[in-house]
């Protein structure tokens, strides 16, 4: 039997599709933050080259993705350590208020941790490596 789909392009894996969707949102937030607050930092704008590399399936994307997730992990660990130390000193002063809304820290930390773990899972998977190698 002849396979009629031999010329079809390989499908993008679901986890890579989810990562690209996440990076679309993060890229929009980065551009908004850069234009609104003139905040140009590596954590904010570092998502743009990773997003472009994932779309173009460039060979350097895996290295950049791992470096970016390492930077995010380091930032999350630093913020967590600072919050825990500050909570030990003055528990009443440790709160996050954004535009008048008090944001609960534990659910925020769990959300950020799950996003970073998801990026590690996708970045280190063989599916992502195979997606970036095949063209």
Protein backbone atom coordinates (compact mmCIF):
# COMPACT_ATOMS: atom_id res chain seq x y z
CA UNK A 1 0.00 0.00 0.00
CA UNK A 2 1.28 3.47 -0.88
CA UNK A 3 1.25 6.21 1.72
CA UNK A 4 -0.30 9.29 0.11
CA UNK A 5 1.03 11.62 2.82
CA UNK A 6 4.73 11.20 2.07
CA UNK A 7 5.16 14.80 0.97
CA UNK A 8 3.32 16.28 3.94
CA UNK A 9 5.38 18.35 6.33
CA UNK A 10 5.97 16.78 9.76
CA UNK A 11 3.47 17.94 12.34
CA UNK A 12 4.50 20.17 15.18
CA UNK A 13 4.40 18.30 18.52
CA UNK A 14 1.70 19.37 20.97
CA UNK A 15 4.18 20.36 23.69
CA UNK A 16 6.13 22.55 21.26
CA UNK A 17 2.85 24.09 20.12
CA UNK A 18 1.97 24.87 23.75
CA UNK A 19 5.43 26.36 24.34
CA UNK A 20 5.10 28.57 21.27
CA UNK A 21 1.64 29.66 22.47
CA UNK A 22 3.13 30.54 25.85
CA UNK A 23 5.91 32.48 24.15
CA UNK A 24 3.39 34.37 21.98
CA UNK A 25 1.73 35.62 25.17
CA UNK A 26 5.09 36.39 26.82
CA UNK A 27 6.30 38.21 23.68
CA UNK A 28 3.17 40.39 23.64
CA UNK A 29 3.65 41.16 27.35
CA UNK A 30 7.34 41.93 26.75
CA UNK A 31 6.56 44.33 23.91
CA UNK A 32 3.80 45.98 25.96
CA UNK A 33 6.12 46.33 28.97
CA UNK A 34 8.96 47.69 26.85
CA UNK A 35 6.77 50.29 25.17
CA UNK A 36 4.76 51.29 28.24
CA UNK A 37 7.39 51.29 30.98
CA UNK A 38 10.58 51.50 28.90
CA UNK A 39 11.74 48.33 30.71
CA UNK A 40 14.48 46.70 28.65
CA UNK A 41 15.86 43.72 30.51
CA UNK A 42 16.91 40.20 29.62
CA UNK A 43 14.03 38.48 31.41
CA UNK A 44 11.49 40.58 29.54
CA UNK A 45 12.92 40.81 26.04
CA UNK A 46 14.83 37.49 26.10
CA UNK A 47 11.69 35.67 25.05
CA UNK A 48 11.67 37.28 21.59
CA UNK A 49 14.77 35.51 20.14
CA UNK A 50 13.61 32.18 21.60
CA UNK A 51 10.19 32.66 20.01
CA UNK A 52 11.71 33.52 16.63
CA UNK A 53 14.03 30.51 16.83
CA UNK A 54 11.15 28.16 17.59
CA UNK A 55 9.15 29.48 14.65
CA UNK A 56 12.12 29.28 12.24
CA UNK A 57 13.29 25.92 13.70
CA UNK A 58 16.82 27.31 13.88
CA UNK A 59 19.71 25.16 15.07
CA UNK A 60 20.65 27.57 17.87
CA UNK A 61 17.17 27.60 19.42
CA UNK A 62 17.74 24.73 21.87
CA UNK A 63 20.80 26.44 23.41
CA UNK A 64 18.97 29.75 23.66
CA UNK A 65 15.85 28.09 25.12
CA UNK A 66 17.85 26.30 27.83
CA UNK A 67 19.77 29.51 28.62
CA UNK A 68 16.56 31.51 28.89
CA UNK A 69 14.89 28.93 31.14
CA UNK A 70 18.06 28.83 33.31
CA UNK A 71 17.81 32.60 33.68
CA UNK A 72 14.13 32.33 34.62
CA UNK A 73 14.92 29.59 37.16
CA UNK A 74 17.65 31.71 38.70
CA UNK A 75 15.31 34.71 38.90
CA UNK A 76 12.54 32.65 40.48
CA UNK A 77 14.95 31.17 43.03
CA UNK A 78 16.29 34.63 43.90
CA UNK A 79 12.81 36.12 44.31
CA UNK A 80 11.68 33.13 46.39
CA UNK A 81 14.71 33.36 48.67
CA UNK A 82 14.23 37.10 49.11
CA UNK A 83 10.54 36.66 49.93
CA UNK A 84 11.22 33.91 52.46
CA UNK A 85 13.92 35.96 54.21
CA UNK A 86 11.71 39.06 54.23
CA UNK A 87 8.80 37.01 55.60
CA UNK A 88 11.01 35.82 58.47
CA UNK A 89 11.85 39.43 59.38
CA UNK A 90 8.50 41.18 58.94
CA UNK A 91 5.60 38.96 57.82
CA UNK A 92 3.15 41.86 57.53
CA UNK A 93 5.27 43.69 54.95
CA UNK A 94 5.56 40.79 52.50
CA UNK A 95 2.79 41.37 49.99
CA UNK A 96 2.44 42.07 46.32
CA UNK A 97 0.08 44.86 45.28
CA UNK A 98 -0.46 45.61 41.60
CA UNK A 99 -2.72 48.52 40.63
CA UNK A 100 -4.49 48.32 43.98
CA UNK A 101 -5.05 44.55 43.91
CA UNK A 102 -3.40 42.38 46.54
CA UNK A 103 -1.99 39.32 44.75
CA UNK A 104 -1.64 36.17 46.91
CA UNK A 105 1.98 35.02 46.85
CA UNK A 106 1.64 31.24 47.22
CA UNK A 107 -0.67 30.76 44.18
CA UNK A 108 1.51 33.16 42.18
CA UNK A 109 4.63 31.19 43.13
CA UNK A 110 2.95 27.90 42.19
CA UNK A 111 1.92 29.34 38.82
CA UNK A 112 5.42 30.63 38.08
CA UNK A 113 7.00 27.36 39.21
CA UNK A 114 4.68 25.34 36.97
CA UNK A 115 5.49 27.57 33.97
CA UNK A 116 9.25 27.15 34.55
CA UNK A 117 8.93 23.37 35.06
CA UNK A 118 6.87 23.10 31.87
CA UNK A 119 9.56 24.98 29.93
CA UNK A 120 12.25 22.66 31.32
CA UNK A 121 10.16 19.63 30.37
CA UNK A 122 9.66 20.83 26.80
CA UNK A 123 13.19 22.19 26.41
CA UNK A 124 14.89 18.96 27.50
CA UNK A 125 12.59 16.54 25.67
CA UNK A 126 13.66 14.50 22.66
CA UNK A 127 10.49 15.61 20.88
CA UNK A 128 11.72 19.21 20.89
CA UNK A 129 15.20 18.18 19.76
CA UNK A 130 13.71 16.17 16.88
CA UNK A 131 11.41 19.06 15.94
CA UNK A 132 14.30 21.50 15.79
CA UNK A 133 16.57 19.14 13.82
CA UNK A 134 14.08 18.04 11.12
CA UNK A 135 13.20 20.52 8.43
